């Protein structure tokens, strides 16, 4: 349930202590890993964009469970029309692999039943995609469903959507490694690692706060009280993926948050979340809740700024 708390949005998660959620990672392990890398050498490759790298990392580490890859056309349409997966599970936004039509034409055998090596900008193998579906979306319809029929063409979410490729490729992925990060490594934990950390500390419940801004004095007091009122540990999730126009870079934001952590009474845990912002309002609020669900939190708060659609152009969503 979502509710407004002044400058924050609160989501109360399903009741129960340490609920069981299937959110294991999708990395190849043991002998399967060298076999995957060897096989990938024979496959056509696609270099992932920064947004796609964010999505792949969250799929691979279990943050986007139950997703096990990029959406097929059936899942894509179901999510657009009803905010649910074909299984009936709640899922607010499409998670798709877009490819430019010209690039798709150069990829041999880009069709169901084939495989594609997904690489970062340095050419390192991140994952292999087992293609189940190749389709062309109606982006005007997608924009209207996600951002509303009144969204202007220069809304940042609409701009990003139309800048992407014209072809969507759906299918399951098998991971070779997570995308490499060189900053704040100890603050980049998977849902499983966070869950184990809180269990080891004896936490009976966890309150999460997700933000793409620094934490101010008013917020500090609010978060301290929110965690203390329910005798919970506090998790601060700082968005470290693709930001929206006008945001601070994630490095500056993380340094600012780290500087105030000693002032908390509740000794919060900071985690960097490689989430690509969509500027999609309430749908995005539900997307933000996906990873904390797999950490077994009891309550979640999202800063209002994290949910605001950018106010650009005469018809921008307010």
C-alpha atoms as a PDB file:
ATOM      1  CA  UNK A   1       0.000   0.000   0.000  1.00  0.00           C
ATOM      2  CA  UNK A   2       1.347   3.434  -0.974  1.00  0.00           C
ATOM      3  CA  UNK A   3       0.604   6.483   1.138  1.00  0.00           C
ATOM      4  CA  UNK A   4       1.902  10.035   1.272  1.00  0.00           C
ATOM      5  CA  UNK A   5       3.957  11.107   4.275  1.00  0.00           C
ATOM      6  CA  UNK A   6       4.582  14.767   3.630  1.00  0.00           C
ATOM      7  CA  UNK A   7       7.648  14.843   1.429  1.00  0.00           C
ATOM      8  CA  UNK A   8       7.888  11.068   1.270  1.00  0.00           C
ATOM      9  CA  UNK A   9       5.894   8.138  -0.040  1.00  0.00           C
ATOM     10  CA  UNK A  10       5.544   5.129   2.228  1.00  0.00           C
ATOM     11  CA  UNK A  11       4.865   1.590   1.078  1.00  0.00           C
ATOM     12  CA  UNK A  12       3.848  -1.027   3.624  1.00  0.00           C
ATOM     13  CA  UNK A  13       5.002  -4.422   2.419  1.00  0.00           C
ATOM     14  CA  UNK A  14       3.130  -7.700   2.986  1.00  0.00           C
ATOM     15  CA  UNK A  15       3.283  -8.777   6.609  1.00  0.00           C
ATOM     16  CA  UNK A  16       5.564 -11.518   7.872  1.00  0.00           C
ATOM     17  CA  UNK A  17       9.099 -11.680   9.166  1.00  0.00           C
ATOM     18  CA  UNK A  18      11.762 -12.597   6.601  1.00  0.00           C
ATOM     19  CA  UNK A  19       9.310 -13.652   3.916  1.00  0.00           C
ATOM     20  CA  UNK A  20      10.546 -16.266   1.455  1.00  0.00           C
ATOM     21  CA  UNK A  21      11.005 -14.728  -2.003  1.00  0.00           C
ATOM     22  CA  UNK A  22      12.805 -16.395  -4.897  1.00  0.00           C
ATOM     23  CA  UNK A  23      15.494 -13.854  -5.755  1.00  0.00           C
ATOM     24  CA  UNK A  24      18.697 -15.787  -6.321  1.00  0.00           C
ATOM     25  CA  UNK A  25      21.187 -14.483  -8.841  1.00  0.00           C
ATOM     26  CA  UNK A  26      21.319 -15.656 -12.447  1.00  0.00           C
ATOM     27  CA  UNK A  27      25.101 -15.974 -12.762  1.00  0.00           C
ATOM     28  CA  UNK A  28      26.586 -19.105 -14.283  1.00  0.00           C
ATOM     29  CA  UNK A  29      28.599 -20.973 -11.663  1.00  0.00           C
ATOM     30  CA  UNK A  30      31.206 -23.708 -11.498  1.00  0.00           C
ATOM     31  CA  UNK A  31      31.972 -25.418 -14.796  1.00  0.00           C
ATOM     32  CA  UNK A  32      29.046 -23.641 -16.438  1.00  0.00           C
ATOM     33  CA  UNK A  33      30.894 -20.301 -16.395  1.00  0.00           C
ATOM     34  CA  UNK A  34      33.911 -21.174 -18.598  1.00  0.00           C
ATOM     35  CA  UNK A  35      31.545 -23.099 -20.876  1.00  0.00           C
ATOM     36  CA  UNK A  36      29.343 -20.001 -21.229  1.00  0.00           C
ATOM     37  CA  UNK A  37      32.340 -17.776 -22.019  1.00  0.00           C
ATOM     38  CA  UNK A  38      33.635 -20.237 -24.623  1.00  0.00           C
ATOM     39  CA  UNK A  39      30.211 -20.466 -26.247  1.00  0.00           C
ATOM     40  CA  UNK A  40      29.876 -16.669 -26.305  1.00  0.00           C
ATOM     41  CA  UNK A  41      32.973 -16.398 -28.513  1.00  0.00           C
ATOM     42  CA  UNK A  42      30.963 -17.962 -31.341  1.00  0.00           C
ATOM     43  CA  UNK A  43      27.890 -15.752 -30.849  1.00  0.00           C
ATOM     44  CA  UNK A  44      27.016 -12.372 -32.373  1.00  0.00           C
ATOM     45  CA  UNK A  45      27.522  -9.592 -29.811  1.00  0.00           C
ATOM     46  CA  UNK A  46      25.539  -6.571 -28.724  1.00  0.00           C
ATOM     47  CA  UNK A  47      27.157  -3.718 -26.787  1.00  0.00           C
ATOM     48  CA  UNK A  48      24.792  -2.657 -24.021  1.00  0.00           C
ATOM     49  CA  UNK A  49      23.920   0.985 -23.351  1.00  0.00           C
ATOM     50  CA  UNK A  50      24.340   2.369 -19.814  1.00  0.00           C
ATOM     51  CA  UNK A  51      20.578   1.971 -19.229  1.00  0.00           C
ATOM     52  CA  UNK A  52      20.645  -1.620 -20.451  1.00  0.00           C
ATOM     53  CA  UNK A  53      23.624  -2.382 -18.199  1.00  0.00           C
ATOM     54  CA  UNK A  54      21.584  -1.143 -15.223  1.00  0.00           C
ATOM     55  CA  UNK A  55      18.667  -3.380 -16.171  1.00  0.00           C
ATOM     56  CA  UNK A  56      20.898  -6.406 -16.783  1.00  0.00           C
ATOM     57  CA  UNK A  57      22.591  -6.014 -13.395  1.00  0.00           C
ATOM     58  CA  UNK A  58      19.259  -5.827 -11.558  1.00  0.00           C
ATOM     59  CA  UNK A  59      17.953  -8.869 -13.434  1.00  0.00           C
ATOM     60  CA  UNK A  60      21.123 -10.865 -12.787  1.00  0.00           C
ATOM     61  CA  UNK A  61      21.419 -10.082  -9.062  1.00  0.00           C
ATOM     62  CA  UNK A  62      17.772 -10.877  -8.314  1.00  0.00           C
ATOM     63  CA  UNK A  63      16.583  -7.312  -7.694  1.00  0.00           C
ATOM     64  CA  UNK A  64      14.144  -7.608 -10.592  1.00  0.00           C
ATOM     65  CA  UNK A  65      12.948 -11.132  -9.731  1.00  0.00           C
ATOM     66  CA  UNK A  66      10.792 -12.805 -10.932  1.00  0.00           C
ATOM     67  CA  UNK A  67      12.177 -11.446 -14.218  1.00  0.00           C
ATOM     68  CA  UNK A  68      14.806 -13.797 -15.622  1.00  0.00           C
ATOM     69  CA  UNK A  69      15.510 -11.775 -18.742  1.00  0.00           C
ATOM     70  CA  UNK A  70      14.126  -9.102 -21.054  1.00  0.00           C
ATOM     71  CA  UNK A  71      10.392  -9.114 -21.704  1.00  0.00           C
ATOM     72  CA  UNK A  72       8.843 -10.932 -24.617  1.00  0.00           C
ATOM     73  CA  UNK A  73       6.043  -9.238 -26.541  1.00  0.00           C
ATOM     74  CA  UNK A  74       3.419 -11.073 -24.473  1.00  0.00           C
ATOM     75  CA  UNK A  75       4.905  -9.870 -21.184  1.00  0.00           C
ATOM     76  CA  UNK A  76       5.508  -6.376 -22.565  1.00  0.00           C
ATOM     77  CA  UNK A  77       1.875  -5.974 -23.655  1.00  0.00           C
ATOM     78  CA  UNK A  78       0.549  -7.406 -20.399  1.00  0.00           C
ATOM     79  CA  UNK A  79       2.641  -4.997 -18.331  1.00  0.00           C
ATOM     80  CA  UNK A  80       1.607  -1.990 -20.414  1.00  0.00           C
ATOM     81  CA  UNK A  81      -2.078  -2.841 -20.241  1.00  0.00           C
ATOM     82  CA  UNK A  82      -2.423  -4.112 -16.675  1.00  0.00           C
ATOM     83  CA  UNK A  83       0.883  -3.596 -14.796  1.00  0.00           C
ATOM     84  CA  UNK A  84       1.107  -7.362 -14.403  1.00  0.00           C
ATOM     85  CA  UNK A  85       3.195 -10.163 -15.831  1.00  0.00           C
ATOM     86  CA  UNK A  86       1.532 -13.055 -17.705  1.00  0.00           C
ATOM     87  CA  UNK A  87       1.753 -15.025 -14.441  1.00  0.00           C
ATOM     88  CA  UNK A  88      -0.419 -12.398 -12.753  1.00  0.00           C
ATOM     89  CA  UNK A  89       2.441 -11.029 -10.644  1.00  0.00           C
ATOM     90  CA  UNK A  90       2.481  -7.244 -10.198  1.00  0.00           C
ATOM     91  CA  UNK A  91       5.050  -5.537 -12.429  1.00  0.00           C
ATOM     92  CA  UNK A  92       4.676  -1.827 -13.237  1.00  0.00           C
ATOM     93  CA  UNK A  93       7.021  -1.037 -16.152  1.00  0.00           C
ATOM     94  CA  UNK A  94       8.431  -2.785 -19.222  1.00  0.00           C
ATOM     95  CA  UNK A  95      12.015  -4.006 -18.967  1.00  0.00           C
ATOM     96  CA  UNK A  96      13.024  -4.447 -22.594  1.00  0.00           C
ATOM     97  CA  UNK A  97      16.174  -4.787 -24.682  1.00  0.00           C
ATOM     98  CA  UNK A  98      15.904  -2.231 -27.480  1.00  0.00           C
ATOM     99  CA  UNK A  99      18.077  -2.491 -30.585  1.00  0.00           C
ATOM    100  CA  UNK A 100      18.298  -0.006 -33.442  1.00  0.00           C
ATOM    101  CA  UNK A 101      16.731  -1.396 -36.608  1.00  0.00           C
ATOM    102  CA  UNK A 102      19.979  -0.864 -38.551  1.00  0.00           C
ATOM    103  CA  UNK A 103      22.003  -2.672 -35.881  1.00  0.00           C
ATOM    104  CA  UNK A 104      19.455  -5.506 -35.745  1.00  0.00           C
ATOM    105  CA  UNK A 105      19.773  -5.986 -39.501  1.00  0.00           C
ATOM    106  CA  UNK A 106      23.527  -6.521 -39.106  1.00  0.00           C
ATOM    107  CA  UNK A 107      23.131  -9.176 -36.411  1.00  0.00           C
ATOM    108  CA  UNK A 108      22.988 -12.647 -37.957  1.00  0.00           C
ATOM    109  CA  UNK A 109      20.092 -14.857 -36.941  1.00  0.00           C
ATOM    110  CA  UNK A 110      18.395 -12.344 -34.637  1.00  0.00           C
ATOM    111  CA  UNK A 111      15.362 -14.550 -34.149  1.00  0.00           C
ATOM    112  CA  UNK A 112      13.695 -16.861 -31.645  1.00  0.00           C
ATOM    113  CA  UNK A 113      15.838 -19.857 -30.749  1.00  0.00           C
ATOM    114  CA  UNK A 114      19.128 -18.034 -31.333  1.00  0.00           C
ATOM    115  CA  UNK A 115      21.522 -16.568 -28.752  1.00  0.00           C
ATOM    116  CA  UNK A 116      23.219 -13.206 -28.353  1.00  0.00           C
ATOM    117  CA  UNK A 117      26.288 -12.233 -26.316  1.00  0.00           C
ATOM    118  CA  UNK A 118      25.653  -9.084 -24.258  1.00  0.00           C
ATOM    119  CA  UNK A 119      28.818  -7.052 -23.638  1.00  0.00           C
ATOM    120  CA  UNK A 120      29.822  -3.803 -21.963  1.00  0.00           C
ATOM    121  CA  UNK A 121      31.581  -0.926 -23.720  1.00  0.00           C
ATOM    122  CA  UNK A 122      34.993  -2.571 -23.118  1.00  0.00           C
ATOM    123  CA  UNK A 123      33.845  -5.776 -24.793  1.00  0.00           C
ATOM    124  CA  UNK A 124      33.661  -7.814 -21.591  1.00  0.00           C
ATOM    125  CA  UNK A 125      30.971 -10.496 -21.594  1.00  0.00           C
ATOM    126  CA  UNK A 126      28.163  -9.697 -19.141  1.00  0.00           C
ATOM    127  CA  UNK A 127      25.544 -12.268 -20.152  1.00  0.00           C
ATOM    128  CA  UNK A 128      24.164 -14.446 -22.908  1.00  0.00           C
ATOM    129  CA  UNK A 129      20.592 -13.844 -24.055  1.00  0.00           C
ATOM    130  CA  UNK A 130      18.559 -16.831 -25.195  1.00  0.00           C
ATOM    131  CA  UNK A 131      16.227 -15.159 -27.686  1.00  0.00           C
ATOM    132  CA  UNK A 132      12.551 -16.029 -27.376  1.00  0.00           C
ATOM    133  CA  UNK A 133      10.982 -13.127 -29.249  1.00  0.00           C
ATOM    134  CA  UNK A 134      11.882 -10.261 -31.616  1.00  0.00           C
ATOM    135  CA  UNK A 135       9.218  -7.579 -32.137  1.00  0.00           C
ATOM    136  CA  UNK A 136       8.638  -3.923 -32.964  1.00  0.00           C
ATOM    137  CA  UNK A 137       6.691  -1.957 -30.341  1.00  0.00           C
ATOM    138  CA  UNK A 138       4.273   0.907 -30.825  1.00  0.00           C
ATOM    139  CA  UNK A 139       6.228   3.536 -28.921  1.00  0.00           C
ATOM    140  CA  UNK A 140       3.480   6.142 -29.075  1.00  0.00           C
ATOM    141  CA  UNK A 141       1.184   3.691 -27.308  1.00  0.00           C
ATOM    142  CA  UNK A 142       3.921   2.761 -24.846  1.00  0.00           C
ATOM    143  CA  UNK A 143       4.526   6.430 -23.983  1.00  0.00           C
ATOM    144  CA  UNK A 144       0.806   7.068 -23.484  1.00  0.00           C
ATOM    145  CA  UNK A 145       0.393   4.016 -21.237  1.00  0.00           C
ATOM    146  CA  UNK A 146       3.443   4.787 -19.087  1.00  0.00           C
ATOM    147  CA  UNK A 147       3.582   8.581 -18.936  1.00  0.00           C
ATOM    148  CA  UNK A 148      -0.034   9.440 -19.657  1.00  0.00           C
ATOM    149  CA  UNK A 149      -1.724  10.717 -22.825  1.00  0.00           C
ATOM    150  CA  UNK A 150      -0.865  14.320 -21.892  1.00  0.00           C
ATOM    151  CA  UNK A 151       2.896  13.714 -21.734  1.00  0.00           C
ATOM    152  CA  UNK A 152       4.789  16.063 -24.022  1.00  0.00           C
ATOM    153  CA  UNK A 153       7.406  14.909 -26.503  1.00  0.00           C
ATOM    154  CA  UNK A 154      10.148  16.588 -24.466  1.00  0.00           C
ATOM    155  CA  UNK A 155       9.261  14.795 -21.222  1.00  0.00           C
ATOM    156  CA  UNK A 156      12.578  13.077 -20.324  1.00  0.00           C
ATOM    157  CA  UNK A 157      10.989   9.636 -20.092  1.00  0.00           C
ATOM    158  CA  UNK A 158       9.323  10.037 -23.485  1.00  0.00           C
ATOM    159  CA  UNK A 159      12.567  11.349 -24.978  1.00  0.00           C
ATOM    160  CA  UNK A 160      14.518   8.374 -23.651  1.00  0.00           C
ATOM    161  CA  UNK A 161      11.917   5.955 -24.977  1.00  0.00           C
ATOM    162  CA  UNK A 162      12.027   7.382 -28.504  1.00  0.00           C
ATOM    163  CA  UNK A 163      15.818   7.618 -28.513  1.00  0.00           C
ATOM    164  CA  UNK A 164      16.002   3.861 -27.992  1.00  0.00           C
ATOM    165  CA  UNK A 165      16.052   1.216 -30.697  1.00  0.00           C
ATOM    166  CA  UNK A 166      13.031   0.365 -32.815  1.00  0.00           C
ATOM    167  CA  UNK A 167      13.312  -3.400 -32.238  1.00  0.00           C
ATOM    168  CA  UNK A 168      12.816  -5.203 -28.916  1.00  0.00           C
ATOM    169  CA  UNK A 169      14.488  -8.540 -28.219  1.00  0.00           C
ATOM    170  CA  UNK A 170      13.018 -10.704 -25.472  1.00  0.00           C
ATOM    171  CA  UNK A 171      14.384 -13.771 -23.747  1.00  0.00           C
ATOM    172  CA  UNK A 172      16.126 -15.245 -20.730  1.00  0.00           C
ATOM    173  CA  UNK A 173      19.679 -14.279 -19.775  1.00  0.00           C
ATOM    174  CA  UNK A 174      22.512 -16.264 -18.211  1.00  0.00           C
ATOM    175  CA  UNK A 175      25.092 -14.085 -16.487  1.00  0.00           C
ATOM    176  CA  UNK A 176      28.870 -14.283 -16.824  1.00  0.00           C
ATOM    177  CA  UNK A 177      29.522 -11.399 -14.407  1.00  0.00           C
ATOM    178  CA  UNK A 178      27.954  -8.254 -13.053  1.00  0.00           C
ATOM    179  CA  UNK A 179      28.858  -4.951 -14.733  1.00  0.00           C
ATOM    180  CA  UNK A 180      32.090  -3.655 -13.199  1.00  0.00           C
ATOM    181  CA  UNK A 181      31.996  -0.684 -10.798  1.00  0.00           C
ATOM    182  CA  UNK A 182      35.089   1.023  -9.461  1.00  0.00           C
ATOM    183  CA  UNK A 183      33.483   3.207  -6.810  1.00  0.00           C
ATOM    184  CA  UNK A 184      31.764   2.444  -3.492  1.00  0.00           C
ATOM    185  CA  UNK A 185      32.257  -1.299  -3.945  1.00  0.00           C
ATOM    186  CA  UNK A 186      31.450  -2.184  -0.342  1.00  0.00           C
ATOM    187  CA  UNK A 187      28.156  -0.312  -0.715  1.00  0.00           C
ATOM    188  CA  UNK A 188      27.062  -2.278  -3.796  1.00  0.00           C
ATOM    189  CA  UNK A 189      25.397  -5.378  -2.410  1.00  0.00           C
ATOM    190  CA  UNK A 190      22.899  -7.763  -3.932  1.00  0.00           C
ATOM    191  CA  UNK A 191      19.544  -8.492  -2.280  1.00  0.00           C
ATOM    192  CA  UNK A 192      20.888 -11.831  -1.020  1.00  0.00           C
ATOM    193  CA  UNK A 193      23.950 -10.164   0.513  1.00  0.00           C
ATOM    194  CA  UNK A 194      21.835  -7.511   2.225  1.00  0.00           C
ATOM    195  CA  UNK A 195      19.394 -10.099   3.503  1.00  0.00           C
ATOM    196  CA  UNK A 196      22.254 -12.162   4.967  1.00  0.00           C
ATOM    197  CA  UNK A 197      23.776  -9.042   6.540  1.00  0.00           C
ATOM    198  CA  UNK A 198      20.553  -8.062   8.306  1.00  0.00           C
ATOM    199  CA  UNK A 199      19.929 -11.629   9.442  1.00  0.00           C
ATOM    200  CA  UNK A 200      23.457 -11.883  10.871  1.00  0.00           C
ATOM    201  CA  UNK A 201      22.866  -8.626  12.758  1.00  0.00           C
ATOM    202  CA  UNK A 202      19.704 -10.075  14.288  1.00  0.00           C
ATOM    203  CA  UNK A 203      17.368  -7.571  12.624  1.00  0.00           C
ATOM    204  CA  UNK A 204      13.723  -8.498  13.074  1.00  0.00           C
ATOM    205  CA  UNK A 205      12.514  -5.973  10.524  1.00  0.00           C
ATOM    206  CA  UNK A 206      13.992  -3.468   8.092  1.00  0.00           C
ATOM    207  CA  UNK A 207      12.761  -0.064   6.955  1.00  0.00           C
ATOM    208  CA  UNK A 208      14.136   1.081   3.596  1.00  0.00           C
ATOM    209  CA  UNK A 209      14.450   4.625   2.294  1.00  0.00           C
ATOM    210  CA  UNK A 210      15.140   5.096  -1.405  1.00  0.00           C
ATOM    211  CA  UNK A 211      16.413   8.396  -2.739  1.00  0.00           C
ATOM    212  CA  UNK A 212      18.232  10.090  -5.574  1.00  0.00           C
ATOM    213  CA  UNK A 213      19.082  13.124  -3.422  1.00  0.00           C
ATOM    214  CA  UNK A 214      21.346  13.870  -0.437  1.00  0.00           C
ATOM    215  CA  UNK A 215      19.810  13.490   3.025  1.00  0.00           C
ATOM    216  CA  UNK A 216      18.979  16.735   4.824  1.00  0.00           C
ATOM    217  CA  UNK A 217      18.581  17.334   8.567  1.00  0.00           C
ATOM    218  CA  UNK A 218      14.772  17.100   8.435  1.00  0.00           C
ATOM    219  CA  UNK A 219      14.959  13.788   6.582  1.00  0.00           C
ATOM    220  CA  UNK A 220      17.556  12.454   9.008  1.00  0.00           C
ATOM    221  CA  UNK A 221      15.267  13.055  11.972  1.00  0.00           C
ATOM    222  CA  UNK A 222      12.276  11.627  10.105  1.00  0.00           C
ATOM    223  CA  UNK A 223      14.116   8.427   9.112  1.00  0.00           C
ATOM    224  CA  UNK A 224      15.565   7.915  12.582  1.00  0.00           C
ATOM    225  CA  UNK A 225      12.109   8.180  14.107  1.00  0.00           C
ATOM    226  CA  UNK A 226      10.481   5.968  11.449  1.00  0.00           C
ATOM    227  CA  UNK A 227      12.938   3.144  12.137  1.00  0.00           C
ATOM    228  CA  UNK A 228      12.839   3.594  15.933  1.00  0.00           C
ATOM    229  CA  UNK A 229       9.019   3.590  16.022  1.00  0.00           C
ATOM    230  CA  UNK A 230       8.898   0.044  14.636  1.00  0.00           C
ATOM    231  CA  UNK A 231      12.183  -1.142  16.209  1.00  0.00           C
ATOM    232  CA  UNK A 232      13.684  -1.768  12.764  1.00  0.00           C
ATOM    233  CA  UNK A 233      17.052  -1.537  11.077  1.00  0.00           C
ATOM    234  CA  UNK A 234      17.353   1.209   8.474  1.00  0.00           C
ATOM    235  CA  UNK A 235      18.494   0.708   4.871  1.00  0.00           C
ATOM    236  CA  UNK A 236      19.261   3.773   2.742  1.00  0.00           C
ATOM    237  CA  UNK A 237      19.177   2.972  -0.971  1.00  0.00           C
ATOM    238  CA  UNK A 238      20.848   5.620  -3.138  1.00  0.00           C
ATOM    239  CA  UNK A 239      20.064   5.424  -6.851  1.00  0.00           C
ATOM    240  CA  UNK A 240      23.357   5.028  -8.703  1.00  0.00           C
ATOM    241  CA  UNK A 241      22.162   4.286 -12.211  1.00  0.00           C
ATOM    242  CA  UNK A 242      20.912   6.586 -14.963  1.00  0.00           C
ATOM    243  CA  UNK A 243      19.640   9.803 -13.399  1.00  0.00           C
ATOM    244  CA  UNK A 244      17.070  12.308 -14.630  1.00  0.00           C
ATOM    245  CA  UNK A 245      18.057  15.782 -15.882  1.00  0.00           C
ATOM    246  CA  UNK A 246      19.157  18.128 -13.110  1.00  0.00           C
ATOM    247  CA  UNK A 247      20.149  15.402 -10.627  1.00  0.00           C
ATOM    248  CA  UNK A 248      23.456  15.340  -8.809  1.00  0.00           C
ATOM    249  CA  UNK A 249      25.842  12.681 -10.036  1.00  0.00           C
ATOM    250  CA  UNK A 250      25.706   9.526  -7.913  1.00  0.00           C
ATOM    251  CA  UNK A 251      29.271  10.013  -6.624  1.00  0.00           C
ATOM    252  CA  UNK A 252      28.511  13.413  -5.090  1.00  0.00           C
ATOM    253  CA  UNK A 253      25.210  12.140  -3.703  1.00  0.00           C
ATOM    254  CA  UNK A 254      26.816   9.084  -2.105  1.00  0.00           C
ATOM    255  CA  UNK A 255      29.594  11.152  -0.519  1.00  0.00           C
ATOM    256  CA  UNK A 256      26.991  13.518   0.914  1.00  0.00           C
ATOM    257  CA  UNK A 257      24.958  10.635   2.357  1.00  0.00           C
ATOM    258  CA  UNK A 258      28.055   8.954   3.828  1.00  0.00           C
ATOM    259  CA  UNK A 259      28.955  12.211   5.555  1.00  0.00           C
ATOM    260  CA  UNK A 260      25.683  12.254   7.516  1.00  0.00           C
ATOM    261  CA  UNK A 261      25.420   8.533   8.377  1.00  0.00           C
ATOM    262  CA  UNK A 262      27.344   8.991  11.673  1.00  0.00           C
ATOM    263  CA  UNK A 263      24.655  11.437  12.802  1.00  0.00           C
ATOM    264  CA  UNK A 264      21.943   8.749  12.704  1.00  0.00           C
ATOM    265  CA  UNK A 265      20.967   6.997  15.922  1.00  0.00           C
ATOM    266  CA  UNK A 266      19.867   3.899  14.005  1.00  0.00           C
ATOM    267  CA  UNK A 267      23.225   3.143  12.287  1.00  0.00           C
ATOM    268  CA  UNK A 268      21.784   2.772   8.774  1.00  0.00           C
ATOM    269  CA  UNK A 269      23.231   0.689   5.964  1.00  0.00           C
ATOM    270  CA  UNK A 270      23.935   2.488   2.675  1.00  0.00           C
ATOM    271  CA  UNK A 271      23.491   0.568  -0.560  1.00  0.00           C
ATOM    272  CA  UNK A 272      24.034   1.852  -4.102  1.00  0.00           C
ATOM    273  CA  UNK A 273      21.245   0.751  -6.440  1.00  0.00           C
ATOM    274  CA  UNK A 274      22.117   0.644 -10.176  1.00  0.00           C
ATOM    275  CA  UNK A 275      18.614   1.631 -11.224  1.00  0.00           C
ATOM    276  CA  UNK A 276      17.931   3.536 -14.445  1.00  0.00           C
ATOM    277  CA  UNK A 277      15.321   6.177 -13.688  1.00  0.00           C
ATOM    278  CA  UNK A 278      12.268   6.252 -15.983  1.00  0.00           C
ATOM    279  CA  UNK A 279      10.513   9.430 -14.743  1.00  0.00           C
ATOM    280  CA  UNK A 280       7.303   7.385 -14.654  1.00  0.00           C
ATOM    281  CA  UNK A 281       5.610   8.614 -11.474  1.00  0.00           C
ATOM    282  CA  UNK A 282       3.532   6.074  -9.550  1.00  0.00           C
ATOM    283  CA  UNK A 283       4.540   3.217 -11.845  1.00  0.00           C
ATOM    284  CA  UNK A 284       8.129   3.999 -11.008  1.00  0.00           C
ATOM    285  CA  UNK A 285       7.325   3.998  -7.289  1.00  0.00           C
ATOM    286  CA  UNK A 286       6.259   0.368  -7.655  1.00  0.00           C
ATOM    287  CA  UNK A 287       9.413  -0.429  -9.647  1.00  0.00           C
ATOM    288  CA  UNK A 288      11.488   1.057  -6.828  1.00  0.00           C
ATOM    289  CA  UNK A 289       9.813  -1.345  -4.425  1.00  0.00           C
ATOM    290  CA  UNK A 290      10.906  -4.464  -6.302  1.00  0.00           C
ATOM    291  CA  UNK A 291      14.430  -4.794  -4.897  1.00  0.00           C
ATOM    292  CA  UNK A 292      13.471  -4.074  -1.254  1.00  0.00           C
ATOM    293  CA  UNK A 293      10.838  -6.826  -1.512  1.00  0.00           C
ATOM    294  CA  UNK A 294      13.664  -9.310  -2.054  1.00  0.00           C
ATOM    295  CA  UNK A 295      15.553  -7.971   0.966  1.00  0.00           C
ATOM    296  CA  UNK A 296      12.469  -8.774   3.052  1.00  0.00           C
ATOM    297  CA  UNK A 297      11.857  -5.242   4.275  1.00  0.00           C
ATOM    298  CA  UNK A 298       8.707  -4.461   6.237  1.00  0.00           C
ATOM    299  CA  UNK A 299       8.244  -0.844   5.127  1.00  0.00           C
ATOM    300  CA  UNK A 300       9.650   1.340   2.385  1.00  0.00           C
ATOM    301  CA  UNK A 301       9.836   5.084   1.913  1.00  0.00           C
ATOM    302  CA  UNK A 302      10.662   6.816  -1.363  1.00  0.00           C
ATOM    303  CA  UNK A 303      11.514  10.494  -1.547  1.00  0.00           C
ATOM    304  CA  UNK A 304       8.981  12.479  -3.526  1.00  0.00           C
ATOM    305  CA  UNK A 305      11.738  13.783  -5.785  1.00  0.00           C
ATOM    306  CA  UNK A 306      12.469  10.218  -6.851  1.00  0.00           C
ATOM    307  CA  UNK A 307       8.920   9.952  -8.180  1.00  0.00           C
ATOM    308  CA  UNK A 308       8.460  13.338  -9.810  1.00  0.00           C
ATOM    309  CA  UNK A 309       8.028  13.419 -13.556  1.00  0.00           C
ATOM    310  CA  UNK A 310      10.249  16.190 -14.871  1.00  0.00           C
ATOM    311  CA  UNK A 311       8.410  19.427 -15.456  1.00  0.00           C
ATOM    312  CA  UNK A 312       9.621  20.303 -18.930  1.00  0.00           C
ATOM    313  CA  UNK A 313       7.520  21.698 -21.728  1.00  0.00           C
ATOM    314  CA  UNK A 314       3.981  23.126 -21.669  1.00  0.00           C
ATOM    315  CA  UNK A 315       2.311  19.718 -21.459  1.00  0.00           C
ATOM    316  CA  UNK A 316       4.721  17.983 -19.090  1.00  0.00           C
ATOM    317  CA  UNK A 317       3.156  15.790 -16.430  1.00  0.00           C
ATOM    318  CA  UNK A 318       2.915  17.500 -13.045  1.00  0.00           C
END
